[in-house]
Structure formats: structure tokens, C-alpha cells
Amino acid sequence: AGQLHRMTSREPSKEDECSEVLEGLYIGNKNVARDREKLLSLGITHVVNCTVERHEGGCHNYFENEPGFHYLRCAVQDSDAARLRDYFEDVTKFVDQARESGHGVLIHCQQGVSRSSSVTISYLMKKKAMTLAEAYVFLKTKRSIVKPKKNFLRELKVYEKELKQPKKANRDSKDSKKSTETKEHSNAHNHTNSSKRPLQDAKESVNSTKRARKVSPTPPTKKGPSMPPGVRLRKVGPSMPPGAGTSTSKPRKLGPTLPPGVGSKP
């Protein structure tokens, strides 16, 4: 704010009665404010009067009783203790309504140097998204004599920070929303996985059983016929007819078989 205040400014002249800032928006002094013909020639029907009441040393709303003219007063003294901040939003709304309906607007104070320039800068900051420095330099190219007081510049600096807050709040809101959506997506994903877990476990159990069945079983040991309990087998030779081999006497040597009656003694 201090550097902006040190920007040079010259004394007002006749040519500085009125300066166009934007299409349909003008800044000027009390002389143009009371020049009815000048106002009408510029299409100005809306006037922002940045002075106190006439009996306090300010300017009249010169044509407020005439049809077609509309006024907004910012009752502020041109002093180091004065405050303009409370009027910024009202001025912005008033100027916008006039310009949107095709009417010209004049913002003025006594000389068109400090109070009116401060209010005009606030409008540029709000509507054109300019910083304080950008708005000040831009206005000075349109009206070289502008020079807001230090206290007004301090208010504009605070206003600049206020205008940045909604943008930051929007970014924080978007980041918070994105974080919430990410968290919700993660929770939903985890819930889906946990819901699928029992089914996956069941499938893995079935697959494990199938794999076990595919393994070739060990060939069973070949066993003999089942025997009653307590019966033991003895190793025996070839099967013999009943009664054979039971005699202890040696077998007789027999010759060839003869027909009956042959070989018998007489």
C-alpha cells in the first residue's frame, strides 16, 4: 500500500473533470457531477456520490429529484481516519445494475482523486479479478491524477485478501470432496473384497479337494484270503489222499498187475 501511495500524481485540470474507465463507467469530480448536459451526453443516469452531505461539506445529489437519475451516496470524509470498506459491495451492485441495463455510471468525489478512485479500484478488483496493484495501475492509465489515501489503500489491501478467500475455500472444498470420494471408493472396494472372501475360500476348498482326488492312490498290499481270528497256517507239502502216509512201515515193492488167477499157487 505504501508503494502505491508514492506513485506520482499531478494537479487536476479542466480536462480531468471526467474520465472513462470502462465502457459506460466514468470517474470524475463535482464539476461534471453538476453538469446535466455533460451527463446526458455521456449517457450517465446513475451517480455514485463519494462525499458526505452538503451541510457537512460534501456535494449535493444534484439531479436526484429529476426522473431518470439514480443516486448512491457513500458518505465518507476525505480524512486519514475515514472508512470506505463498508460501501464496496453496494457500489458494485449499483454499477452492475446500471451497466447491464445500458445506462452510464459516474463515480465522483470533490476532485476525483482519492475517494472516488478508491471505490473505482474496488469495483475493478471485484469484477475484473484484478489485484490491487493491477487495478491501481489500470485506473492511472485512464486518469493520471488518481491517488487514494493511505487508509483507503489499506482497506483495499484487506479487500484483496477477502476476494481471494472464496477461491481458496472452493479449492479446499474440492480437495475435501475428492478426498471423501476416494475414501468412499476405497471403503466400497474393501467391502466388496471382504464380501467375496467367503466365496473365494469355498472355491479354494473345493479346488483343493479336487486336486487331492487327482493324486494316484498307493497300490494296496496283495493279501491272501481272510482267516478267522487265532487260526495260523502251517506250511504243507502236496495234498495226499486220506490215510496216505500215516503208516510207519515201508511200502512194499509191487510188480506189474496180473490178471485174476494168474500167478497164484495151486
Protein backbone atom coordinates (compact mmCIF):
# COMPACT_ATOMS: atom_id res chain seq x y z
CA ALA A 1 0.00 0.00 0.00
CA GLY A 2 2.88 2.38 0.80
CA GLN A 3 4.50 1.90 -2.60
CA LEU A 4 1.21 2.54 -4.38
CA HIS A 5 0.67 5.72 -2.37
CA ARG A 6 4.05 7.06 -3.50
CA MET A 7 3.00 6.93 -7.16
CA THR A 8 3.17 10.46 -8.55
CA SER A 9 0.08 12.46 -9.38
CA ARG A 10 -0.46 15.91 -10.87
CA GLU A 11 -2.98 18.58 -10.05
CA PRO A 12 -6.44 18.27 -11.64
CA SER A 13 -7.24 20.39 -14.67
CA LYS A 14 -10.34 21.17 -16.71
CA GLU A 15 -9.70 18.08 -18.83
CA ASP A 16 -9.83 15.91 -15.71
CA GLU A 17 -13.48 16.57 -14.94
CA CYS A 18 -14.47 13.17 -16.29
CA SER A 19 -12.52 10.09 -17.42
CA GLU A 20 -13.89 6.88 -18.92
CA VAL A 21 -12.64 3.77 -17.10
CA LEU A 22 -14.68 1.02 -18.77
CA GLU A 23 -17.47 1.18 -21.30
CA GLY A 24 -20.29 3.01 -19.52
CA LEU A 25 -18.24 3.67 -16.36
CA TYR A 26 -16.74 7.09 -15.61
CA ILE A 27 -14.83 8.73 -12.77
CA GLY A 28 -14.88 12.49 -12.19
CA ASN A 29 -15.16 15.48 -9.88
CA LYS A 30 -18.00 17.63 -8.58
CA ASN A 31 -17.97 19.84 -11.69
CA VAL A 32 -19.09 17.07 -14.04
CA ALA A 33 -21.48 15.79 -11.35
CA ARG A 34 -23.48 19.03 -11.58
CA ASP A 35 -23.24 19.39 -15.38
CA ARG A 36 -26.56 18.00 -16.51
CA GLU A 37 -25.87 18.32 -20.23
CA LYS A 38 -22.50 16.60 -19.89
CA LEU A 39 -24.02 13.70 -18.02
CA LEU A 40 -26.78 13.20 -20.58
CA SER A 41 -24.32 13.43 -23.48
CA LEU A 42 -22.35 10.54 -21.96
CA GLY A 43 -25.50 8.53 -21.24
CA ILE A 44 -24.95 8.82 -17.49
CA THR A 45 -28.11 8.32 -15.43
CA HIS A 46 -26.60 6.66 -12.34
CA VAL A 47 -24.28 8.57 -9.99
CA VAL A 48 -22.17 7.33 -7.06
CA ASN A 49 -21.52 10.34 -4.80
CA CYS A 50 -18.48 9.63 -2.58
CA THR A 51 -18.89 12.69 -0.34
CA VAL A 52 -20.78 13.48 2.84
CA GLU A 53 -23.98 15.53 2.93
CA ARG A 54 -23.82 19.12 1.69
CA HIS A 55 -24.21 20.62 5.15
CA GLU A 56 -21.14 18.61 6.25
CA GLY A 57 -19.05 19.91 3.38
CA GLY A 58 -19.94 17.41 0.70
CA CYS A 59 -21.76 17.59 -2.64
CA HIS A 60 -25.44 17.59 -3.43
CA ASN A 61 -27.10 14.80 -5.36
CA TYR A 62 -27.75 17.49 -7.92
CA PHE A 63 -30.45 15.79 -10.01
CA GLU A 64 -31.92 13.28 -7.61
CA ASN A 65 -35.37 14.82 -7.96
CA GLU A 66 -35.36 14.55 -11.74
CA PRO A 67 -36.91 11.50 -13.44
CA GLY A 68 -34.33 9.11 -14.87
CA PHE A 69 -31.50 9.87 -12.43
CA HIS A 70 -30.46 7.47 -9.68
CA TYR A 71 -28.00 8.11 -6.83
CA LEU A 72 -25.97 6.14 -4.33
CA ARG A 73 -24.16 8.11 -1.65
CA CYS A 74 -21.00 6.85 0.06
CA ALA A 75 -20.92 9.32 2.93
CA VAL A 76 -17.18 9.42 3.64
CA GLN A 77 -14.97 12.32 4.72
CA ASP A 78 -11.71 12.86 2.88
CA SER A 79 -9.64 12.19 6.01
CA ASP A 80 -6.99 9.79 7.25
CA ALA A 81 -9.48 8.16 9.64
CA ALA A 82 -12.31 7.65 7.13
CA ARG A 83 -13.52 4.20 6.06
CA LEU A 84 -14.81 3.21 2.62
CA ARG A 85 -14.83 -0.57 3.00
CA ASP A 86 -18.50 -0.78 4.01
CA TYR A 87 -19.57 0.61 0.63
CA PHE A 88 -17.64 -1.65 -1.76
CA GLU A 89 -20.39 -4.26 -2.25
CA ASP A 90 -23.14 -1.65 -2.57
CA VAL A 91 -21.19 0.22 -5.23
CA THR A 92 -20.50 -2.97 -7.21
CA LYS A 93 -24.18 -3.92 -7.21
CA PHE A 94 -25.30 -0.39 -8.15
CA VAL A 95 -22.81 -0.09 -11.03
CA ASP A 96 -23.61 -3.57 -12.37
CA GLN A 97 -27.35 -2.94 -12.45
CA ALA A 98 -26.86 0.32 -14.36
CA ARG A 99 -24.40 -1.05 -16.93
CA GLU A 100 -26.39 -4.24 -17.51
CA SER A 101 -29.45 -2.13 -18.32
CA GLY A 102 -27.47 0.02 -20.78
CA HIS A 103 -27.02 3.11 -18.59
CA GLY A 104 -23.82 5.03 -17.88
CA VAL A 105 -22.43 5.47 -14.37
CA LEU A 106 -20.38 8.30 -12.83
CA ILE A 107 -18.35 7.77 -9.64
CA HIS A 108 -17.26 11.12 -8.22
CA CYS A 109 -15.99 12.95 -5.15
CA GLN A 110 -14.79 16.56 -4.80
CA GLN A 111 -11.79 16.27 -7.13
CA GLY A 112 -11.96 12.72 -8.45
CA VAL A 113 -8.60 11.87 -6.88
CA SER A 114 -8.90 9.81 -3.68
CA ARG A 115 -12.33 8.64 -2.54
CA SER A 116 -13.86 8.08 -5.99
CA SER A 117 -10.68 6.39 -7.23
CA SER A 118 -10.63 4.04 -4.21
CA VAL A 119 -14.21 2.95 -4.87
CA THR A 120 -13.50 2.52 -8.59
CA ILE A 121 -10.45 0.36 -7.81
CA SER A 122 -12.60 -1.86 -5.57
CA TYR A 123 -15.00 -2.38 -8.48
CA LEU A 124 -12.18 -3.34 -10.85
CA MET A 125 -10.79 -5.80 -8.32
CA LYS A 126 -14.18 -7.45 -7.89
CA LYS A 127 -15.47 -7.52 -11.47
CA LYS A 128 -12.22 -7.86 -13.40
CA ALA A 129 -10.46 -10.15 -10.92
CA MET A 130 -7.56 -7.69 -10.68
CA THR A 131 -5.11 -7.39 -7.82
CA LEU A 132 -4.91 -4.06 -6.02
CA ALA A 133 -1.73 -3.14 -7.89
CA GLU A 134 -3.20 -4.13 -11.27
CA ALA A 135 -6.38 -2.14 -10.68
CA TYR A 136 -4.45 0.92 -9.48
CA VAL A 137 -2.11 0.93 -12.48
CA PHE A 138 -5.00 0.33 -14.88
CA LEU A 139 -7.00 3.23 -13.42
CA LYS A 140 -3.98 5.52 -13.55
CA THR A 141 -3.68 4.90 -17.30
CA LYS A 142 -7.26 6.14 -17.60
CA ARG A 143 -6.96 9.03 -15.13
CA SER A 144 -3.42 10.02 -14.22
CA ILE A 145 -4.37 12.21 -11.22
CA VAL A 146 -5.83 9.39 -9.10
CA LYS A 147 -4.14 8.91 -5.71
CA PRO A 148 -6.05 7.13 -2.90
CA LYS A 149 -5.16 8.00 0.68
CA LYS A 150 -3.09 5.51 2.69
CA ASN A 151 -6.03 4.48 4.85
CA PHE A 152 -8.10 3.69 1.75
CA LEU A 153 -5.24 1.70 0.27
CA ARG A 154 -5.00 -0.34 3.48
CA GLU A 155 -8.70 -1.12 3.22
CA LEU A 156 -8.27 -2.13 -0.41
CA LYS A 157 -5.39 -4.41 0.59
CA VAL A 158 -7.64 -6.15 3.12
CA TYR A 159 -10.37 -6.36 0.48
CA GLU A 160 -7.92 -8.01 -1.90
CA LYS A 161 -7.32 -10.77 0.66
CA GLU A 162 -11.06 -11.16 1.21
CA LEU A 163 -11.63 -11.65 -2.51
CA LYS A 164 -9.07 -14.43 -2.54
CA GLN A 165 -10.75 -16.32 0.31
CA PRO A 166 -13.69 -17.75 -1.71
CA LYS A 167 -11.25 -19.16 -4.29
CA LYS A 168 -9.22 -20.84 -1.56
CA ALA A 169 -12.40 -22.09 0.11
CA ASN A 170 -13.56 -23.56 -3.21
CA ARG A 171 -10.23 -25.31 -3.71
CA ASP A 172 -10.32 -26.67 -0.16
CA SER A 173 -13.90 -27.81 -0.69
CA LYS A 174 -12.96 -29.60 -3.92
CA ASP A 175 -9.93 -31.22 -2.30
CA SER A 176 -12.08 -32.33 0.64
CA LYS A 177 -14.76 -33.69 -1.70
CA LYS A 178 -12.15 -35.53 -3.76
CA SER A 179 -10.61 -36.99 -0.59
CA THR A 180 -14.04 -38.09 0.63
CA GLU A 181 -14.88 -39.69 -2.71
CA THR A 182 -11.53 -41.50 -2.73
CA LYS A 183 -12.11 -42.75 0.81
CA GLU A 184 -15.65 -43.88 -0.01
CA HIS A 185 -14.39 -45.68 -3.12
CA SER A 186 -11.68 -47.37 -1.07
CA ASN A 187 -14.19 -48.44 1.59
CA ALA A 188 -16.56 -49.78 -1.06
CA HIS A 189 -13.70 -51.68 -2.68
CA ASN A 190 -12.67 -53.19 0.66
CA HIS A 191 -16.27 -54.10 1.47
CA THR A 192 -16.62 -55.82 -1.91
CA ASN A 193 -13.42 -57.76 -1.35
CA SER A 194 -14.48 -58.81 2.15
CA SER A 195 -17.86 -59.91 0.78
CA LYS A 196 -16.18 -62.02 -1.86
CA ARG A 197 -13.74 -63.62 0.62
CA PRO A 198 -16.04 -66.39 1.92
CA LEU A 199 -16.94 -67.38 -1.65
CA GLN A 200 -13.29 -67.39 -2.64
CA ASP A 201 -12.42 -69.51 0.40
CA ALA A 202 -15.16 -72.01 -0.52
CA LYS A 203 -13.92 -72.19 -4.11
CA GLU A 204 -10.35 -72.73 -2.94
CA SER A 205 -11.54 -75.54 -0.61
CA VAL A 206 -13.37 -77.28 -3.48
CA ASN A 207 -10.37 -76.91 -5.78
CA SER A 208 -8.11 -78.31 -3.07
CA THR A 209 -10.37 -81.38 -2.70
CA LYS A 210 -10.38 -81.94 -6.47
CA ARG A 211 -6.60 -81.76 -6.58
CA ALA A 212 -6.37 -84.31 -3.77
CA ARG A 213 -8.61 -86.72 -5.68
CA LYS A 214 -6.44 -86.49 -8.77
CA VAL A 215 -3.39 -87.85 -6.91
CA SER A 216 -2.85 -91.65 -7.75
CA PRO A 217 -3.53 -93.81 -4.66
CA THR A 218 -0.83 -96.15 -3.35
CA PRO A 219 -1.46 -99.73 -4.67
CA PRO A 220 -2.85 -101.88 -1.85
CA THR A 221 -0.77 -104.74 -0.50
CA LYS A 222 -1.84 -108.08 -2.00
CA LYS A 223 -3.13 -110.28 0.74
CA GLY A 224 -4.44 -113.87 0.93
CA PRO A 225 -7.91 -114.90 1.86
CA SER A 226 -9.18 -113.69 5.16
CA MET A 227 -8.77 -116.17 8.07
CA PRO A 228 -10.74 -116.39 11.25
CA PRO A 229 -9.03 -114.84 14.26
CA GLY A 230 -6.50 -117.16 16.03
CA VAL A 231 -6.02 -119.57 13.09
CA ARG A 232 -2.45 -119.98 11.95
CA LEU A 233 -1.44 -121.63 8.70
CA ARG A 234 1.16 -124.41 8.52
CA LYS A 235 3.41 -124.93 5.59
CA VAL A 236 2.40 -128.26 3.99
CA GLY A 237 3.51 -130.34 1.05
CA PRO A 238 1.44 -131.80 -1.76
CA SER A 239 -2.05 -132.89 -0.93
CA MET A 240 -2.33 -136.66 -0.02
CA PRO A 241 -5.35 -138.95 -0.03
CA PRO A 242 -6.90 -139.68 3.31
CA GLY A 243 -4.91 -142.24 5.27
CA ALA A 244 -1.92 -142.00 2.94
CA GLY A 245 1.42 -141.59 4.59
CA THR A 246 0.12 -142.32 8.02
CA SER A 247 1.74 -145.79 8.27
CA THR A 248 5.27 -146.06 9.60
CA SER A 249 6.01 -149.28 7.69
CA LYS A 250 7.93 -149.13 4.47
CA PRO A 251 5.89 -149.56 1.32
CA ARG A 252 6.03 -152.84 -0.49
CA LYS A 253 7.56 -153.15 -3.88
CA LEU A 254 4.91 -154.31 -6.21
CA GLY A 255 5.34 -155.74 -9.64
CA PRO A 256 3.11 -155.46 -12.59
CA THR A 257 -0.54 -156.03 -12.06
CA LEU A 258 -1.58 -159.62 -13.13
CA PRO A 259 -4.93 -160.80 -14.27
CA PRO A 260 -7.03 -162.56 -11.71
CA GLY A 261 -5.94 -166.18 -11.15
CA VAL A 262 -2.53 -165.78 -12.76
CA GLY A 263 0.50 -166.45 -10.60
CA SER A 264 -1.38 -167.99 -7.74
CA LYS A 265 -0.10 -171.19 -6.28
CA PRO A 266 -2.03 -174.47 -6.95
